[in-house]
Amino acid sequence: MIIQYPSFTVNNSQSTIEDTSMKPKITLAPLNLSTFIMYDPDAIVPQWVHYLVINIPNGDISKGDEILSYNGPTPPSGIHRYIFEQLEQTSPYQISIERGGFEIDTFRKQNALIKRETANMRVPK
């Protein structure tokens, strides 16, 4: 999995709100069916979802179902981590989800998702 913003590639790096405001180019592993999620585990609510695409065939994110459009990092204070995951699906599914109050472990379990790829970055206020 490669997450590429115009000025950098995500690789446990630190960036700025400005450099992450636009949706990055995302290259996924060619899994039969997968989910892509970007979330902030440091949000005031349990976790905040910044981007969610499900039912991605063969790693082609443009052919998946976008559930939550890209919402760039805007940490209210301090430095927040942003986690990107590609999760393998065993079958297609549908979901309705809110950005706030999210819990990644529950989400994976409820939808029978297996973590296959991960990347992260940090963004300060």
Protein backbone atom coordinates (compact mmCIF):
# COMPACT_ATOMS: atom_id res chain seq x y z
CA MET A 1 0.00 0.00 0.00
CA ILE A 2 1.33 3.42 -0.97
CA ILE A 3 -0.27 6.68 0.24
CA GLN A 4 1.14 9.61 -1.70
CA TYR A 5 0.34 13.27 -1.08
CA PRO A 6 1.69 15.88 -3.53
CA SER A 7 4.65 16.76 -1.27
CA PHE A 8 5.40 13.43 0.48
CA THR A 9 4.69 9.71 0.78
CA VAL A 10 3.24 8.44 4.06
CA ASN A 11 5.84 6.37 5.87
CA ASN A 12 5.57 6.99 9.61
CA SER A 13 6.19 10.62 8.72
CA GLN A 14 5.10 13.99 10.05
CA SER A 15 3.37 16.55 7.85
CA THR A 16 1.12 19.61 8.04
CA ILE A 17 -2.60 20.30 7.79
CA GLU A 18 -1.94 22.17 4.53
CA ASP A 19 0.06 19.32 2.94
CA THR A 20 -2.67 16.77 3.78
CA SER A 21 -5.74 18.81 2.85
CA MET A 22 -6.18 17.13 -0.56
CA LYS A 23 -7.02 13.44 -0.99
CA PRO A 24 -3.82 11.47 -1.59
CA LYS A 25 -3.11 9.04 -4.40
CA ILE A 26 -3.71 5.59 -2.94
CA THR A 27 -2.19 2.41 -4.36
CA LEU A 28 -3.50 -0.74 -2.70
CA ALA A 29 -2.39 -4.36 -2.71
CA PRO A 30 -4.39 -6.37 -5.29
CA LEU A 31 -6.58 -8.22 -2.80
CA ASN A 32 -9.69 -9.88 -4.22
CA LEU A 33 -11.96 -7.61 -2.14
CA SER A 34 -10.95 -5.02 0.45
CA THR A 35 -11.80 -1.98 2.56
CA PHE A 36 -9.63 1.13 2.89
CA ILE A 37 -9.91 3.33 5.96
CA MET A 38 -8.11 6.38 7.30
CA TYR A 39 -8.80 7.28 10.93
CA ASP A 40 -7.50 9.37 13.84
CA PRO A 41 -7.08 7.26 17.00
CA ASP A 42 -6.22 10.40 19.01
CA ALA A 43 -9.54 12.19 18.46
CA ILE A 44 -11.51 13.42 21.48
CA VAL A 45 -14.33 11.00 20.63
CA PRO A 46 -13.12 7.38 20.59
CA GLN A 47 -11.79 7.63 17.01
CA TRP A 48 -12.58 9.79 13.97
CA VAL A 49 -12.92 8.38 10.43
CA HIS A 50 -11.33 10.57 7.75
CA TYR A 51 -11.95 8.34 4.74
CA LEU A 52 -13.74 5.04 4.12
CA VAL A 53 -14.09 3.01 0.92
CA ILE A 54 -15.48 -0.55 0.99
CA ASN A 55 -15.96 -3.40 -1.52
CA ILE A 56 -12.77 -2.52 -3.42
CA PRO A 57 -12.12 -5.11 -6.16
CA ASN A 58 -8.51 -6.16 -6.81
CA GLY A 59 -7.06 -3.10 -5.05
CA ASP A 60 -8.70 -0.60 -7.46
CA ILE A 61 -10.01 2.00 -5.01
CA SER A 62 -11.77 3.91 -7.81
CA LYS A 63 -14.15 0.95 -8.19
CA GLY A 64 -15.02 0.65 -4.49
CA ASP A 65 -18.00 2.13 -2.65
CA GLU A 66 -17.03 5.44 -1.04
CA ILE A 67 -18.91 5.57 2.28
CA LEU A 68 -17.19 8.64 3.77
CA SER A 69 -15.40 11.07 1.47
CA TYR A 70 -11.88 12.28 2.24
CA ASN A 71 -11.70 14.68 5.20
CA GLY A 72 -8.12 15.86 5.73
CA PRO A 73 -6.44 16.05 9.13
CA THR A 74 -7.42 18.97 11.39
CA PRO A 75 -6.15 18.14 14.87
CA PRO A 76 -7.65 20.51 17.44
CA SER A 77 -4.49 20.47 19.58
CA GLY A 78 -1.15 18.73 19.85
CA ILE A 79 0.02 16.10 17.38
CA HIS A 80 -2.46 13.49 16.14
CA ARG A 81 -1.69 10.16 14.45
CA TYR A 82 -3.51 9.21 11.26
CA ILE A 83 -3.74 5.51 10.46
CA PHE A 84 -4.36 4.08 6.98
CA GLU A 85 -5.42 0.43 6.70
CA GLN A 86 -6.27 -1.93 3.89
CA LEU A 87 -8.53 -4.64 5.28
CA GLU A 88 -9.31 -7.87 3.45
CA GLN A 89 -13.00 -8.73 3.04
CA THR A 90 -14.40 -12.23 2.63
CA SER A 91 -17.58 -10.92 0.93
CA PRO A 92 -19.21 -7.61 -0.08
CA TYR A 93 -21.04 -5.69 2.64
CA GLN A 94 -22.98 -2.47 3.17
CA ILE A 95 -22.63 -0.07 6.07
CA SER A 96 -23.84 3.26 7.37
CA ILE A 97 -21.33 4.93 9.67
CA GLU A 98 -20.67 8.27 11.34
CA ARG A 99 -17.22 9.87 11.39
CA GLY A 100 -17.11 10.26 15.18
CA GLY A 101 -17.47 7.70 17.92
CA PHE A 102 -15.77 5.06 15.77
CA GLU A 103 -13.92 2.05 17.16
CA ILE A 104 -11.61 0.24 14.71
CA ASP A 105 -11.47 -3.13 16.51
CA THR A 106 -15.29 -3.33 16.67
CA PHE A 107 -15.53 -2.28 13.01
CA ARG A 108 -13.09 -5.02 11.92
CA LYS A 109 -14.88 -7.68 13.98
CA GLN A 110 -18.46 -6.73 12.93
CA ASN A 111 -17.52 -6.83 9.24
CA ALA A 112 -15.15 -9.85 9.35
CA LEU A 113 -12.21 -7.75 8.12
CA ILE A 114 -8.57 -8.81 8.30
CA LYS A 115 -5.82 -6.16 8.49
CA ARG A 116 -3.40 -6.68 5.58
CA GLU A 117 -1.60 -3.34 5.06
CA THR A 118 -1.08 -0.34 7.30
CA ALA A 119 0.66 3.04 7.22
CA ASN A 120 0.62 6.06 9.48
CA MET A 121 1.59 9.72 9.78
CA ARG A 122 1.48 12.46 12.39
CA VAL A 123 0.07 15.96 11.92
CA PRO A 124 0.40 18.78 14.48
CA LYS A 125 -2.15 21.54 14.98
